[in-house]
N, C-alpha and C. Protein backbone atom coordinates (compact mmCIF):
# COMPACT_ATOMS: atom_id res chain seq x y z
N MET A 1 0.95 26.65 2.73
CA MET A 1 0.33 25.99 3.87
C MET A 1 -0.14 27.05 4.86
N PRO A 2 -1.35 26.91 5.38
CA PRO A 2 -1.87 27.93 6.29
C PRO A 2 -1.18 27.90 7.65
N ASN A 3 -1.17 29.05 8.29
CA ASN A 3 -0.56 29.16 9.62
C ASN A 3 -1.61 29.18 10.72
N ILE A 4 -2.80 29.59 10.40
CA ILE A 4 -3.86 29.72 11.40
C ILE A 4 -4.46 28.35 11.66
N LYS A 5 -4.72 28.09 12.95
CA LYS A 5 -5.18 26.77 13.35
C LYS A 5 -6.49 26.36 12.66
N SER A 6 -7.43 27.28 12.56
CA SER A 6 -8.71 26.94 11.94
C SER A 6 -8.52 26.67 10.44
N ALA A 7 -7.62 27.39 9.80
CA ALA A 7 -7.35 27.17 8.38
C ALA A 7 -6.70 25.81 8.15
N ILE A 8 -5.82 25.42 9.08
CA ILE A 8 -5.19 24.10 9.00
C ILE A 8 -6.26 23.01 9.09
N LYS A 9 -7.21 23.20 10.01
CA LYS A 9 -8.30 22.23 10.17
C LYS A 9 -9.15 22.15 8.90
N ARG A 10 -9.41 23.31 8.30
CA ARG A 10 -10.24 23.34 7.09
C ARG A 10 -9.55 22.58 5.94
N VAL A 11 -8.24 22.77 5.82
CA VAL A 11 -7.49 22.07 4.78
C VAL A 11 -7.58 20.56 4.99
N GLU A 12 -7.45 20.14 6.23
CA GLU A 12 -7.52 18.71 6.55
C GLU A 12 -8.92 18.16 6.25
N LEU A 13 -9.95 18.90 6.65
CA LEU A 13 -11.31 18.46 6.39
C LEU A 13 -11.60 18.38 4.88
N THR A 14 -11.09 19.34 4.15
CA THR A 14 -11.28 19.33 2.70
C THR A 14 -10.62 18.11 2.09
N ARG A 15 -9.43 17.77 2.57
CA ARG A 15 -8.73 16.59 2.07
C ARG A 15 -9.53 15.32 2.36
N ILE A 16 -10.05 15.22 3.58
CA ILE A 16 -10.82 14.04 3.97
C ILE A 16 -12.08 13.92 3.12
N ARG A 17 -12.78 15.03 2.93
CA ARG A 17 -14.02 15.01 2.14
C ARG A 17 -13.74 14.68 0.69
N THR A 18 -12.64 15.21 0.17
CA THR A 18 -12.27 14.94 -1.22
C THR A 18 -12.03 13.45 -1.42
N GLU A 19 -11.32 12.83 -0.49
CA GLU A 19 -11.06 11.39 -0.58
C GLU A 19 -12.36 10.60 -0.53
N ARG A 20 -13.26 10.99 0.37
CA ARG A 20 -14.53 10.28 0.50
C ARG A 20 -15.36 10.44 -0.78
N ASN A 21 -15.38 11.66 -1.32
CA ASN A 21 -16.14 11.91 -2.55
C ASN A 21 -15.58 11.09 -3.71
N LYS A 22 -14.24 11.00 -3.79
CA LYS A 22 -13.61 10.21 -4.84
C LYS A 22 -14.04 8.75 -4.75
N ALA A 23 -14.05 8.24 -3.52
CA ALA A 23 -14.42 6.84 -3.30
C ALA A 23 -15.86 6.58 -3.72
N VAL A 24 -16.75 7.51 -3.37
CA VAL A 24 -18.17 7.33 -3.71
C VAL A 24 -18.36 7.41 -5.22
N LYS A 25 -17.71 8.38 -5.87
CA LYS A 25 -17.82 8.51 -7.33
C LYS A 25 -17.27 7.27 -8.02
N SER A 26 -16.18 6.74 -7.50
CA SER A 26 -15.59 5.55 -8.07
C SER A 26 -16.54 4.36 -7.95
N ARG A 27 -17.22 4.25 -6.80
CA ARG A 27 -18.20 3.18 -6.60
C ARG A 27 -19.33 3.27 -7.62
N VAL A 28 -19.78 4.51 -7.87
CA VAL A 28 -20.86 4.72 -8.84
C VAL A 28 -20.39 4.29 -10.23
N LYS A 29 -19.22 4.74 -10.62
CA LYS A 29 -18.70 4.40 -11.95
C LYS A 29 -18.54 2.89 -12.11
N THR A 30 -18.04 2.23 -11.07
CA THR A 30 -17.84 0.78 -11.12
C THR A 30 -19.18 0.06 -11.28
N ALA A 31 -20.19 0.49 -10.54
CA ALA A 31 -21.50 -0.15 -10.62
C ALA A 31 -22.08 0.01 -12.03
N ILE A 32 -21.90 1.20 -12.61
CA ILE A 32 -22.41 1.44 -13.97
C ILE A 32 -21.66 0.57 -14.97
N LYS A 33 -20.34 0.47 -14.82
CA LYS A 33 -19.54 -0.36 -15.73
C LYS A 33 -19.95 -1.83 -15.64
N LYS A 34 -20.20 -2.32 -14.42
CA LYS A 34 -20.62 -3.70 -14.25
C LYS A 34 -21.95 -3.95 -14.92
N PHE A 35 -22.87 -2.98 -14.80
CA PHE A 35 -24.17 -3.13 -15.45
C PHE A 35 -24.02 -3.18 -16.95
N ARG A 36 -23.25 -2.24 -17.51
CA ARG A 36 -23.06 -2.20 -18.97
C ARG A 36 -22.40 -3.48 -19.47
N ALA A 37 -21.43 -3.98 -18.72
CA ALA A 37 -20.74 -5.21 -19.12
C ALA A 37 -21.70 -6.39 -19.13
N SER A 38 -22.55 -6.48 -18.12
CA SER A 38 -23.51 -7.59 -18.08
C SER A 38 -24.53 -7.48 -19.21
N LEU A 39 -24.87 -6.25 -19.60
CA LEU A 39 -25.78 -6.06 -20.73
C LEU A 39 -25.13 -6.53 -22.03
N GLU A 40 -23.87 -6.17 -22.22
CA GLU A 40 -23.17 -6.54 -23.45
C GLU A 40 -23.02 -8.05 -23.58
N GLN A 41 -22.79 -8.71 -22.45
CA GLN A 41 -22.62 -10.16 -22.46
C GLN A 41 -23.96 -10.89 -22.54
N GLY A 42 -25.04 -10.16 -22.30
CA GLY A 42 -26.36 -10.78 -22.34
C GLY A 42 -26.65 -11.62 -21.12
N ASP A 43 -26.04 -11.26 -19.99
CA ASP A 43 -26.27 -12.01 -18.75
C ASP A 43 -27.70 -11.85 -18.27
N SER A 44 -28.16 -12.85 -17.53
CA SER A 44 -29.49 -12.76 -16.94
C SER A 44 -29.45 -11.91 -15.67
N THR A 45 -28.24 -11.55 -15.23
CA THR A 45 -28.10 -10.76 -14.00
C THR A 45 -28.12 -9.26 -14.28
N ALA A 46 -28.44 -8.87 -15.50
CA ALA A 46 -28.43 -7.45 -15.86
C ALA A 46 -29.43 -6.66 -15.01
N ALA A 47 -30.59 -7.25 -14.74
CA ALA A 47 -31.60 -6.55 -13.93
C ALA A 47 -31.08 -6.30 -12.53
N GLU A 48 -30.40 -7.29 -11.98
CA GLU A 48 -29.83 -7.13 -10.62
C GLU A 48 -28.73 -6.08 -10.63
N LYS A 49 -27.89 -6.09 -11.64
CA LYS A 49 -26.81 -5.09 -11.75
C LYS A 49 -27.39 -3.69 -11.90
N LEU A 50 -28.49 -3.57 -12.64
CA LEU A 50 -29.16 -2.27 -12.78
C LEU A 50 -29.66 -1.80 -11.42
N ARG A 51 -30.28 -2.70 -10.66
CA ARG A 51 -30.79 -2.35 -9.34
C ARG A 51 -29.65 -1.87 -8.44
N GLN A 52 -28.52 -2.56 -8.49
CA GLN A 52 -27.37 -2.18 -7.67
C GLN A 52 -26.80 -0.83 -8.10
N ALA A 53 -26.75 -0.58 -9.40
CA ALA A 53 -26.24 0.69 -9.91
C ALA A 53 -27.13 1.84 -9.45
N ILE A 54 -28.44 1.65 -9.56
CA ILE A 54 -29.37 2.70 -9.13
C ILE A 54 -29.26 2.93 -7.63
N ARG A 55 -29.10 1.87 -6.89
CA ARG A 55 -28.95 1.99 -5.44
C ARG A 55 -27.67 2.77 -5.09
N THR A 56 -26.59 2.48 -5.79
CA THR A 56 -25.33 3.17 -5.56
C THR A 56 -25.45 4.64 -5.90
N ILE A 57 -26.13 4.96 -7.00
CA ILE A 57 -26.34 6.35 -7.39
C ILE A 57 -27.15 7.08 -6.32
N ASP A 58 -28.20 6.43 -5.83
CA ASP A 58 -29.03 7.05 -4.79
C ASP A 58 -28.24 7.31 -3.52
N LYS A 59 -27.35 6.40 -3.17
CA LYS A 59 -26.51 6.60 -1.99
C LYS A 59 -25.57 7.80 -2.17
N ALA A 60 -25.07 7.97 -3.39
CA ALA A 60 -24.19 9.10 -3.67
C ALA A 60 -24.95 10.42 -3.51
N VAL A 61 -26.22 10.42 -3.89
CA VAL A 61 -27.04 11.63 -3.71
C VAL A 61 -27.24 11.90 -2.23
N THR A 62 -27.51 10.84 -1.46
CA THR A 62 -27.72 10.99 -0.02
C THR A 62 -26.50 11.58 0.66
N LYS A 63 -25.32 11.18 0.20
CA LYS A 63 -24.08 11.69 0.79
C LYS A 63 -23.71 13.07 0.27
N GLY A 64 -24.45 13.55 -0.73
CA GLY A 64 -24.19 14.88 -1.26
C GLY A 64 -23.09 14.92 -2.31
N VAL A 65 -22.71 13.78 -2.82
CA VAL A 65 -21.64 13.73 -3.82
C VAL A 65 -22.19 14.06 -5.21
N LEU A 66 -23.38 13.55 -5.51
CA LEU A 66 -24.02 13.83 -6.79
C LEU A 66 -25.23 14.73 -6.58
N HIS A 67 -25.47 15.59 -7.54
CA HIS A 67 -26.68 16.42 -7.53
C HIS A 67 -27.87 15.53 -7.87
N PRO A 68 -29.01 15.77 -7.27
CA PRO A 68 -30.18 14.92 -7.55
C PRO A 68 -30.56 14.84 -9.03
N ASN A 69 -30.44 15.95 -9.75
CA ASN A 69 -30.78 15.93 -11.17
C ASN A 69 -29.78 15.09 -11.97
N THR A 70 -28.51 15.15 -11.59
CA THR A 70 -27.49 14.33 -12.24
C THR A 70 -27.80 12.86 -12.03
N ALA A 71 -28.18 12.52 -10.80
CA ALA A 71 -28.50 11.13 -10.49
C ALA A 71 -29.72 10.67 -11.29
N ALA A 72 -30.72 11.53 -11.38
CA ALA A 72 -31.92 11.18 -12.12
C ALA A 72 -31.59 10.95 -13.59
N ARG A 73 -30.72 11.77 -14.14
CA ARG A 73 -30.32 11.62 -15.54
C ARG A 73 -29.59 10.29 -15.75
N LYS A 74 -28.65 9.99 -14.85
CA LYS A 74 -27.89 8.75 -14.97
C LYS A 74 -28.82 7.53 -14.87
N LYS A 75 -29.72 7.55 -13.89
CA LYS A 75 -30.64 6.43 -13.70
C LYS A 75 -31.55 6.27 -14.91
N SER A 76 -32.02 7.37 -15.45
CA SER A 76 -32.89 7.33 -16.61
C SER A 76 -32.18 6.72 -17.81
N ARG A 77 -30.96 7.11 -18.03
CA ARG A 77 -30.20 6.59 -19.16
C ARG A 77 -29.95 5.09 -19.01
N LEU A 78 -29.62 4.67 -17.79
CA LEU A 78 -29.38 3.25 -17.56
C LEU A 78 -30.67 2.45 -17.78
N GLN A 79 -31.77 2.97 -17.28
CA GLN A 79 -33.06 2.28 -17.42
C GLN A 79 -33.47 2.19 -18.88
N ARG A 80 -33.27 3.28 -19.65
CA ARG A 80 -33.59 3.27 -21.07
C ARG A 80 -32.76 2.23 -21.81
N LEU A 81 -31.47 2.16 -21.47
CA LEU A 81 -30.57 1.19 -22.10
C LEU A 81 -31.03 -0.24 -21.80
N PHE A 82 -31.41 -0.46 -20.56
CA PHE A 82 -31.89 -1.79 -20.16
C PHE A 82 -33.18 -2.14 -20.90
N ASN A 83 -34.10 -1.19 -20.97
CA ASN A 83 -35.38 -1.46 -21.64
C ASN A 83 -35.18 -1.72 -23.13
N LYS A 84 -34.23 -0.98 -23.73
CA LYS A 84 -33.98 -1.14 -25.17
C LYS A 84 -33.41 -2.53 -25.47
N THR A 85 -32.51 -3.00 -24.64
CA THR A 85 -31.86 -4.29 -24.90
C THR A 85 -32.75 -5.47 -24.51
N SER A 86 -33.59 -5.28 -23.51
CA SER A 86 -34.43 -6.41 -23.07
C SER A 86 -35.69 -6.55 -23.92
N ALA A 87 -36.04 -5.50 -24.66
CA ALA A 87 -37.28 -5.56 -25.46
C ALA A 87 -37.07 -6.31 -26.76
């Protein structure tokens, strides 16, 4: 454990940011899982779930949790999956 006041603050900030990043990543994973589940069941709400998943991924990029290229890759894969099953 650090003794210097600024180092103590940095440790605390790192902990807070780590928790926030975990929450955002978890939200992204959940949105993707919901989309995949609706696709497997053949729900008519798959398009809406895709929109929500893409929106969640974009928010993660805005917060700096995901790299823009990673987000683009994830969105592309989801869109391809949707197009393949709906065609």
